[in-house]
């Protein structure tokens, strides 16, 4: 079965679950008079229609579904057209419920997807681990960040980047492996933990600082006094951050 998936604001995707060479959207020979109407509808997507506000999103998606249903009728059984529409937003968990509907069969399913956290939440927890080019600090949306939010001294930022570059130098691009013996010999993790403690002292209680070990499995939450607590490496602090901000608002 070939399925074409359409959702406002996203590129159309197509796949054939029988495997083999996958078709392209162009190869489906979609009637241009219909595809142009769907594209024009999708191009009207504006910021209030995105999470978490979704003002008029249901009305907008209802309009798009009519156009996509028209496309399905036009192509008959040549392929299935799937349409994704917004159902509801959950502010407690900062996630959105979306419905995927097969316009040919009528089958549908709903799934929750996490939305990017808002600015006041996203740096409630920061993670430290090295990457190429001196990158080392990451917010809860997985984006690399600098030393402006949370703010800490430029001098500490420079030492962090120098530390991250040690990992970069130990990376073998031929094998795509890091020389762990080299990192162990220079005490890479201990250097990182010491820097993480300095960061925690600089940002205080406003931000939880997590150091992701490179030579062993755990992640370490570091404290101003230098003590640490081990967490499983895949620990998700997302709900803790949301609750800490929402709880503070409730007290006001």
C-alpha atoms as a PDB file:
ATOM      1  CA  UNK A   1       0.000   0.000   0.000  1.00  0.00           C
ATOM      2  CA  UNK A   2       1.235   3.458  -0.895  1.00  0.00           C
ATOM      3  CA  UNK A   3       0.355   6.183   1.600  1.00  0.00           C
ATOM      4  CA  UNK A   4       0.680   9.938   1.168  1.00  0.00           C
ATOM      5  CA  UNK A   5       0.766  11.854   4.475  1.00  0.00           C
ATOM      6  CA  UNK A   6      -0.318  15.481   4.680  1.00  0.00           C
ATOM      7  CA  UNK A   7      -0.180  17.861   7.654  1.00  0.00           C
ATOM      8  CA  UNK A   8      -0.281  21.638   7.621  1.00  0.00           C
ATOM      9  CA  UNK A   9       3.126  23.273   7.822  1.00  0.00           C
ATOM     10  CA  UNK A  10       5.042  20.101   6.976  1.00  0.00           C
ATOM     11  CA  UNK A  11       6.393  18.637   3.768  1.00  0.00           C
ATOM     12  CA  UNK A  12       4.253  15.877   2.278  1.00  0.00           C
ATOM     13  CA  UNK A  13       5.708  12.387   2.720  1.00  0.00           C
ATOM     14  CA  UNK A  14       5.019   9.170   0.851  1.00  0.00           C
ATOM     15  CA  UNK A  15       6.001   5.572   1.415  1.00  0.00           C
ATOM     16  CA  UNK A  16       5.165   2.106   0.139  1.00  0.00           C
ATOM     17  CA  UNK A  17       4.918  -0.505   2.900  1.00  0.00           C
ATOM     18  CA  UNK A  18       5.718  -3.246   0.384  1.00  0.00           C
ATOM     19  CA  UNK A  19       9.334  -2.108   0.452  1.00  0.00           C
ATOM     20  CA  UNK A  20      11.655  -1.700  -2.487  1.00  0.00           C
ATOM     21  CA  UNK A  21      12.360   1.577  -4.234  1.00  0.00           C
ATOM     22  CA  UNK A  22      10.166   4.165  -2.571  1.00  0.00           C
ATOM     23  CA  UNK A  23       7.939   6.432  -4.668  1.00  0.00           C
ATOM     24  CA  UNK A  24       8.215  10.189  -4.601  1.00  0.00           C
ATOM     25  CA  UNK A  25       5.390  12.672  -4.224  1.00  0.00           C
ATOM     26  CA  UNK A  26       5.987  13.726  -7.844  1.00  0.00           C
ATOM     27  CA  UNK A  27       5.582  10.144  -9.062  1.00  0.00           C
ATOM     28  CA  UNK A  28       2.009   9.990  -7.732  1.00  0.00           C
ATOM     29  CA  UNK A  29       0.744  12.305 -10.477  1.00  0.00           C
ATOM     30  CA  UNK A  30      -1.477  14.258  -8.096  1.00  0.00           C
ATOM     31  CA  UNK A  31      -3.992  16.482  -9.925  1.00  0.00           C
ATOM     32  CA  UNK A  32      -2.385  19.940  -9.785  1.00  0.00           C
ATOM     33  CA  UNK A  33      -5.671  21.779  -9.315  1.00  0.00           C
ATOM     34  CA  UNK A  34      -6.171  19.902  -6.022  1.00  0.00           C
ATOM     35  CA  UNK A  35      -2.565  19.935  -4.798  1.00  0.00           C
ATOM     36  CA  UNK A  36      -2.397  23.695  -5.352  1.00  0.00           C
ATOM     37  CA  UNK A  37      -5.458  24.232  -3.163  1.00  0.00           C
ATOM     38  CA  UNK A  38      -4.010  22.053  -0.384  1.00  0.00           C
ATOM     39  CA  UNK A  39      -0.649  23.829  -0.549  1.00  0.00           C
ATOM     40  CA  UNK A  40      -2.337  27.237  -0.435  1.00  0.00           C
ATOM     41  CA  UNK A  41      -4.295  26.111   2.627  1.00  0.00           C
ATOM     42  CA  UNK A  42      -1.150  24.851   4.370  1.00  0.00           C
ATOM     43  CA  UNK A  43       0.756  28.054   3.552  1.00  0.00           C
ATOM     44  CA  UNK A  44      -1.854  30.038   5.500  1.00  0.00           C
ATOM     45  CA  UNK A  45      -0.653  28.439   8.748  1.00  0.00           C
ATOM     46  CA  UNK A  46       0.245  31.280  11.150  1.00  0.00           C
ATOM     47  CA  UNK A  47       1.747  31.357  14.657  1.00  0.00           C
ATOM     48  CA  UNK A  48      -1.553  31.312  16.625  1.00  0.00           C
ATOM     49  CA  UNK A  49      -2.269  27.940  14.990  1.00  0.00           C
ATOM     50  CA  UNK A  50       0.858  26.388  16.551  1.00  0.00           C
ATOM     51  CA  UNK A  51       1.281  25.029  20.095  1.00  0.00           C
ATOM     52  CA  UNK A  52       0.352  25.875  22.688  1.00  0.00           C
ATOM     53  CA  UNK A  53      -2.350  28.383  21.690  1.00  0.00           C
ATOM     54  CA  UNK A  54      -3.964  26.696  18.682  1.00  0.00           C
ATOM     55  CA  UNK A  55      -6.465  29.492  18.176  1.00  0.00           C
ATOM     56  CA  UNK A  56      -8.826  28.427  15.376  1.00  0.00           C
ATOM     57  CA  UNK A  57      -6.737  25.285  14.718  1.00  0.00           C
ATOM     58  CA  UNK A  58      -9.716  22.908  14.646  1.00  0.00           C
ATOM     59  CA  UNK A  59     -11.505  25.086  12.114  1.00  0.00           C
ATOM     60  CA  UNK A  60      -8.335  25.363  10.061  1.00  0.00           C
ATOM     61  CA  UNK A  61      -7.738  21.594  10.045  1.00  0.00           C
ATOM     62  CA  UNK A  62     -11.402  20.924   9.207  1.00  0.00           C
ATOM     63  CA  UNK A  63     -10.951  23.044   6.091  1.00  0.00           C
ATOM     64  CA  UNK A  64      -7.819  21.134   5.157  1.00  0.00           C
ATOM     65  CA  UNK A  65      -9.449  17.766   5.710  1.00  0.00           C
ATOM     66  CA  UNK A  66     -12.138  18.618   3.137  1.00  0.00           C
ATOM     67  CA  UNK A  67      -9.444  19.372   0.569  1.00  0.00           C
ATOM     68  CA  UNK A  68      -7.531  16.180   1.385  1.00  0.00           C
ATOM     69  CA  UNK A  69     -10.760  14.147   1.139  1.00  0.00           C
ATOM     70  CA  UNK A  70     -11.260  15.690  -2.302  1.00  0.00           C
ATOM     71  CA  UNK A  71      -7.781  14.495  -3.243  1.00  0.00           C
ATOM     72  CA  UNK A  72      -8.555  10.965  -2.040  1.00  0.00           C
ATOM     73  CA  UNK A  73     -11.710  10.847  -4.142  1.00  0.00           C
ATOM     74  CA  UNK A  74      -9.767  12.052  -7.179  1.00  0.00           C
ATOM     75  CA  UNK A  75      -7.016   9.401  -6.932  1.00  0.00           C
ATOM     76  CA  UNK A  76      -9.376   6.549  -6.038  1.00  0.00           C
ATOM     77  CA  UNK A  77      -7.553   3.445  -4.868  1.00  0.00           C
ATOM     78  CA  UNK A  78      -4.181   4.331  -6.420  1.00  0.00           C
ATOM     79  CA  UNK A  79      -2.922   5.302  -2.964  1.00  0.00           C
ATOM     80  CA  UNK A  80      -4.171   6.157   0.506  1.00  0.00           C
ATOM     81  CA  UNK A  81      -4.087   9.742   1.762  1.00  0.00           C
ATOM     82  CA  UNK A  82      -3.395  10.243   5.476  1.00  0.00           C
ATOM     83  CA  UNK A  83      -4.258  13.519   7.188  1.00  0.00           C
ATOM     84  CA  UNK A  84      -2.915  14.687  10.565  1.00  0.00           C
ATOM     85  CA  UNK A  85      -5.073  17.086  12.568  1.00  0.00           C
ATOM     86  CA  UNK A  86      -4.885  18.706  15.981  1.00  0.00           C
ATOM     87  CA  UNK A  87      -7.062  17.292  18.793  1.00  0.00           C
ATOM     88  CA  UNK A  88      -6.055  18.991  22.040  1.00  0.00           C
ATOM     89  CA  UNK A  89      -3.172  20.504  23.984  1.00  0.00           C
ATOM     90  CA  UNK A  90      -2.193  19.351  27.492  1.00  0.00           C
ATOM     91  CA  UNK A  91      -0.557  22.287  29.348  1.00  0.00           C
ATOM     92  CA  UNK A  92       0.352  20.215  32.413  1.00  0.00           C
ATOM     93  CA  UNK A  93       2.610  17.929  30.368  1.00  0.00           C
ATOM     94  CA  UNK A  94       3.161  20.438  27.536  1.00  0.00           C
ATOM     95  CA  UNK A  95       2.202  17.988  24.825  1.00  0.00           C
ATOM     96  CA  UNK A  96      -0.253  17.786  21.948  1.00  0.00           C
ATOM     97  CA  UNK A  97      -2.648  15.031  20.895  1.00  0.00           C
ATOM     98  CA  UNK A  98      -2.741  14.542  17.121  1.00  0.00           C
ATOM     99  CA  UNK A  99      -5.045  12.356  15.032  1.00  0.00           C
ATOM    100  CA  UNK A 100      -3.805  10.545  11.921  1.00  0.00           C
ATOM    101  CA  UNK A 101      -6.692   9.527   9.652  1.00  0.00           C
ATOM    102  CA  UNK A 102      -6.563   7.342   6.557  1.00  0.00           C
ATOM    103  CA  UNK A 103      -9.056   8.995   4.204  1.00  0.00           C
ATOM    104  CA  UNK A 104      -9.378   5.842   2.082  1.00  0.00           C
ATOM    105  CA  UNK A 105     -10.062   3.256   4.793  1.00  0.00           C
ATOM    106  CA  UNK A 106     -11.438   5.548   7.470  1.00  0.00           C
ATOM    107  CA  UNK A 107      -9.024   4.122  10.059  1.00  0.00           C
ATOM    108  CA  UNK A 108      -7.519   6.594  12.515  1.00  0.00           C
ATOM    109  CA  UNK A 109      -5.256   6.694  15.537  1.00  0.00           C
ATOM    110  CA  UNK A 110      -4.321   9.340  18.073  1.00  0.00           C
ATOM    111  CA  UNK A 111      -0.878   9.926  19.575  1.00  0.00           C
ATOM    112  CA  UNK A 112       0.626  12.362  22.056  1.00  0.00           C
ATOM    113  CA  UNK A 113       3.744  14.286  21.047  1.00  0.00           C
ATOM    114  CA  UNK A 114       5.834  16.506  23.293  1.00  0.00           C
ATOM    115  CA  UNK A 115       6.061  20.143  22.219  1.00  0.00           C
ATOM    116  CA  UNK A 116       9.168  22.273  22.700  1.00  0.00           C
ATOM    117  CA  UNK A 117       9.157  23.650  26.220  1.00  0.00           C
ATOM    118  CA  UNK A 118       8.620  27.396  26.721  1.00  0.00           C
ATOM    119  CA  UNK A 119      11.494  29.742  27.546  1.00  0.00           C
ATOM    120  CA  UNK A 120      10.782  29.891  31.267  1.00  0.00           C
ATOM    121  CA  UNK A 121      10.973  26.077  31.531  1.00  0.00           C
ATOM    122  CA  UNK A 122      13.537  24.972  28.981  1.00  0.00           C
ATOM    123  CA  UNK A 123      16.603  25.896  31.074  1.00  0.00           C
ATOM    124  CA  UNK A 124      15.238  24.723  34.418  1.00  0.00           C
ATOM    125  CA  UNK A 125      17.471  21.706  33.729  1.00  0.00           C
ATOM    126  CA  UNK A 126      20.656  21.863  31.655  1.00  0.00           C
ATOM    127  CA  UNK A 127      22.789  18.919  30.612  1.00  0.00           C
ATOM    128  CA  UNK A 128      26.531  18.929  30.107  1.00  0.00           C
ATOM    129  CA  UNK A 129      28.167  16.670  27.548  1.00  0.00           C
ATOM    130  CA  UNK A 130      30.728  17.428  24.835  1.00  0.00           C
ATOM    131  CA  UNK A 131      30.135  17.629  21.118  1.00  0.00           C
ATOM    132  CA  UNK A 132      32.036  18.896  18.106  1.00  0.00           C
ATOM    133  CA  UNK A 133      33.301  22.443  17.908  1.00  0.00           C
ATOM    134  CA  UNK A 134      33.435  23.045  21.648  1.00  0.00           C
ATOM    135  CA  UNK A 135      29.696  22.565  22.238  1.00  0.00           C
ATOM    136  CA  UNK A 136      28.941  21.309  25.739  1.00  0.00           C
ATOM    137  CA  UNK A 137      25.709  22.754  27.207  1.00  0.00           C
ATOM    138  CA  UNK A 138      22.182  21.706  26.216  1.00  0.00           C
ATOM    139  CA  UNK A 139      18.681  22.789  27.172  1.00  0.00           C
ATOM    140  CA  UNK A 140      15.669  20.519  27.682  1.00  0.00           C
ATOM    141  CA  UNK A 141      14.616  20.809  24.044  1.00  0.00           C
ATOM    142  CA  UNK A 142      17.987  19.345  23.065  1.00  0.00           C
ATOM    143  CA  UNK A 143      19.377  22.618  21.700  1.00  0.00           C
ATOM    144  CA  UNK A 144      22.924  23.752  22.347  1.00  0.00           C
ATOM    145  CA  UNK A 145      22.986  26.948  24.393  1.00  0.00           C
ATOM    146  CA  UNK A 146      25.514  29.579  25.418  1.00  0.00           C
ATOM    147  CA  UNK A 147      26.169  31.325  28.704  1.00  0.00           C
ATOM    148  CA  UNK A 148      23.401  33.908  28.566  1.00  0.00           C
ATOM    149  CA  UNK A 149      20.435  31.869  29.808  1.00  0.00           C
ATOM    150  CA  UNK A 150      21.268  30.656  32.357  1.00  0.00           C
ATOM    151  CA  UNK A 151      23.930  33.346  32.708  1.00  0.00           C
ATOM    152  CA  UNK A 152      27.425  32.548  33.947  1.00  0.00           C
ATOM    153  CA  UNK A 153      30.888  34.098  33.473  1.00  0.00           C
ATOM    154  CA  UNK A 154      32.565  34.199  30.058  1.00  0.00           C
ATOM    155  CA  UNK A 155      35.745  32.852  31.618  1.00  0.00           C
ATOM    156  CA  UNK A 156      33.949  29.679  32.736  1.00  0.00           C
ATOM    157  CA  UNK A 157      32.370  29.353  29.301  1.00  0.00           C
ATOM    158  CA  UNK A 158      35.846  29.488  27.707  1.00  0.00           C
ATOM    159  CA  UNK A 159      37.158  26.762  30.031  1.00  0.00           C
ATOM    160  CA  UNK A 160      34.145  24.600  29.257  1.00  0.00           C
ATOM    161  CA  UNK A 161      34.781  24.942  25.521  1.00  0.00           C
ATOM    162  CA  UNK A 162      38.454  24.051  25.984  1.00  0.00           C
ATOM    163  CA  UNK A 163      37.364  20.975  27.938  1.00  0.00           C
ATOM    164  CA  UNK A 164      34.857  19.959  25.227  1.00  0.00           C
ATOM    165  CA  UNK A 165      37.579  20.307  22.606  1.00  0.00           C
ATOM    166  CA  UNK A 166      39.542  17.580  24.409  1.00  0.00           C
ATOM    167  CA  UNK A 167      36.722  15.197  23.573  1.00  0.00           C
ATOM    168  CA  UNK A 168      36.701  16.468  19.986  1.00  0.00           C
ATOM    169  CA  UNK A 169      40.435  15.730  19.702  1.00  0.00           C
ATOM    170  CA  UNK A 170      39.859  12.189  21.001  1.00  0.00           C
ATOM    171  CA  UNK A 171      37.222  11.427  18.366  1.00  0.00           C
ATOM    172  CA  UNK A 172      38.301   9.216  15.457  1.00  0.00           C
ATOM    173  CA  UNK A 173      36.393  10.147  12.304  1.00  0.00           C
ATOM    174  CA  UNK A 174      37.433   6.925  10.573  1.00  0.00           C
ATOM    175  CA  UNK A 175      36.006   4.618  13.232  1.00  0.00           C
ATOM    176  CA  UNK A 176      33.433   7.069  14.659  1.00  0.00           C
ATOM    177  CA  UNK A 177      34.686   6.120  18.110  1.00  0.00           C
ATOM    178  CA  UNK A 178      36.102   8.148  20.981  1.00  0.00           C
ATOM    179  CA  UNK A 179      39.478   7.145  22.447  1.00  0.00           C
ATOM    180  CA  UNK A 180      38.207   6.373  25.951  1.00  0.00           C
ATOM    181  CA  UNK A 181      41.693   5.495  27.196  1.00  0.00           C
ATOM    182  CA  UNK A 182      42.878   8.975  26.228  1.00  0.00           C
ATOM    183  CA  UNK A 183      39.941  10.599  28.013  1.00  0.00           C
ATOM    184  CA  UNK A 184      40.568   8.448  31.081  1.00  0.00           C
ATOM    185  CA  UNK A 185      44.275   9.329  31.125  1.00  0.00           C
ATOM    186  CA  UNK A 186      43.551  13.070  31.281  1.00  0.00           C
ATOM    187  CA  UNK A 187      40.767  12.685  33.859  1.00  0.00           C
ATOM    188  CA  UNK A 188      38.179  13.996  31.416  1.00  0.00           C
ATOM    189  CA  UNK A 189      35.096  13.223  33.501  1.00  0.00           C
ATOM    190  CA  UNK A 190      36.571  14.667  36.689  1.00  0.00           C
ATOM    191  CA  UNK A 191      37.459  17.847  34.829  1.00  0.00           C
ATOM    192  CA  UNK A 192      33.882  18.025  33.551  1.00  0.00           C
ATOM    193  CA  UNK A 193      32.395  17.460  36.986  1.00  0.00           C
ATOM    194  CA  UNK A 194      34.590  20.184  38.489  1.00  0.00           C
ATOM    195  CA  UNK A 195      33.431  22.608  35.807  1.00  0.00           C
ATOM    196  CA  UNK A 196      29.813  21.527  36.350  1.00  0.00           C
ATOM    197  CA  UNK A 197      30.124  22.358  40.056  1.00  0.00           C
ATOM    198  CA  UNK A 198      31.387  25.838  39.138  1.00  0.00           C
ATOM    199  CA  UNK A 199      28.420  26.235  36.807  1.00  0.00           C
ATOM    200  CA  UNK A 200      26.031  25.190  39.551  1.00  0.00           C
ATOM    201  CA  UNK A 201      27.553  27.768  41.912  1.00  0.00           C
ATOM    202  CA  UNK A 202      27.090  30.426  39.229  1.00  0.00           C
ATOM    203  CA  UNK A 203      23.441  29.641  38.419  1.00  0.00           C
ATOM    204  CA  UNK A 204      22.343  28.652  41.934  1.00  0.00           C
ATOM    205  CA  UNK A 205      18.966  27.098  42.634  1.00  0.00           C
ATOM    206  CA  UNK A 206      17.358  28.473  39.460  1.00  0.00           C
ATOM    207  CA  UNK A 207      18.705  25.601  37.344  1.00  0.00           C
ATOM    208  CA  UNK A 208      19.318  21.885  37.877  1.00  0.00           C
ATOM    209  CA  UNK A 209      22.750  20.967  36.441  1.00  0.00           C
ATOM    210  CA  UNK A 210      23.243  17.435  35.089  1.00  0.00           C
ATOM    211  CA  UNK A 211      26.659  16.117  34.032  1.00  0.00           C
ATOM    212  CA  UNK A 212      26.511  13.176  31.586  1.00  0.00           C
ATOM    213  CA  UNK A 213      29.512  10.951  32.236  1.00  0.00           C
ATOM    214  CA  UNK A 214      31.592   9.914  29.237  1.00  0.00           C
ATOM    215  CA  UNK A 215      33.503   7.009  30.753  1.00  0.00           C
ATOM    216  CA  UNK A 216      30.671   5.365  32.653  1.00  0.00           C
ATOM    217  CA  UNK A 217      26.923   5.116  32.360  1.00  0.00           C
ATOM    218  CA  UNK A 218      25.263   7.393  34.940  1.00  0.00           C
ATOM    219  CA  UNK A 219      24.359  11.042  34.742  1.00  0.00           C
ATOM    220  CA  UNK A 220      25.228  13.107  37.796  1.00  0.00           C
ATOM    221  CA  UNK A 221      23.248  15.940  39.295  1.00  0.00           C
ATOM    222  CA  UNK A 222      25.839  18.293  40.766  1.00  0.00           C
ATOM    223  CA  UNK A 223      25.453  20.637  43.720  1.00  0.00           C
ATOM    224  CA  UNK A 224      27.205  23.800  44.800  1.00  0.00           C
ATOM    225  CA  UNK A 225      29.150  22.021  47.534  1.00  0.00           C
ATOM    226  CA  UNK A 226      30.569  19.489  45.071  1.00  0.00           C
ATOM    227  CA  UNK A 227      28.352  16.540  45.989  1.00  0.00           C
ATOM    228  CA  UNK A 228      26.514  14.581  43.310  1.00  0.00           C
ATOM    229  CA  UNK A 229      23.486  12.311  42.911  1.00  0.00           C
ATOM    230  CA  UNK A 230      23.470   9.569  40.280  1.00  0.00           C
ATOM    231  CA  UNK A 231      20.576   9.353  37.838  1.00  0.00           C
ATOM    232  CA  UNK A 232      19.990   6.812  35.046  1.00  0.00           C
ATOM    233  CA  UNK A 233      21.370   8.341  31.877  1.00  0.00           C
ATOM    234  CA  UNK A 234      17.974   8.487  30.176  1.00  0.00           C
ATOM    235  CA  UNK A 235      16.204  10.193  33.102  1.00  0.00           C
ATOM    236  CA  UNK A 236      13.605  12.644  31.783  1.00  0.00           C
ATOM    237  CA  UNK A 237      13.438  15.771  33.955  1.00  0.00           C
ATOM    238  CA  UNK A 238      10.806  17.359  31.732  1.00  0.00           C
ATOM    239  CA  UNK A 239       7.849  16.889  34.071  1.00  0.00           C
ATOM    240  CA  UNK A 240       9.862  18.000  37.094  1.00  0.00           C
ATOM    241  CA  UNK A 241      10.694  21.249  35.296  1.00  0.00           C
ATOM    242  CA  UNK A 242       7.091  21.834  34.247  1.00  0.00           C
ATOM    243  CA  UNK A 243       5.784  21.137  37.739  1.00  0.00           C
ATOM    244  CA  UNK A 244       8.366  23.420  39.347  1.00  0.00           C
ATOM    245  CA  UNK A 245       7.294  26.346  37.147  1.00  0.00           C
ATOM    246  CA  UNK A 246       3.555  25.642  37.254  1.00  0.00           C
ATOM    247  CA  UNK A 247       3.687  25.115  41.013  1.00  0.00           C
ATOM    248  CA  UNK A 248       5.340  28.474  41.435  1.00  0.00           C
ATOM    249  CA  UNK A 249       2.592  30.134  39.396  1.00  0.00           C
ATOM    250  CA  UNK A 250      -0.096  28.453  41.503  1.00  0.00           C
ATOM    251  CA  UNK A 251       1.366  29.974  44.672  1.00  0.00           C
ATOM    252  CA  UNK A 252       1.144  33.517  43.328  1.00  0.00           C
END
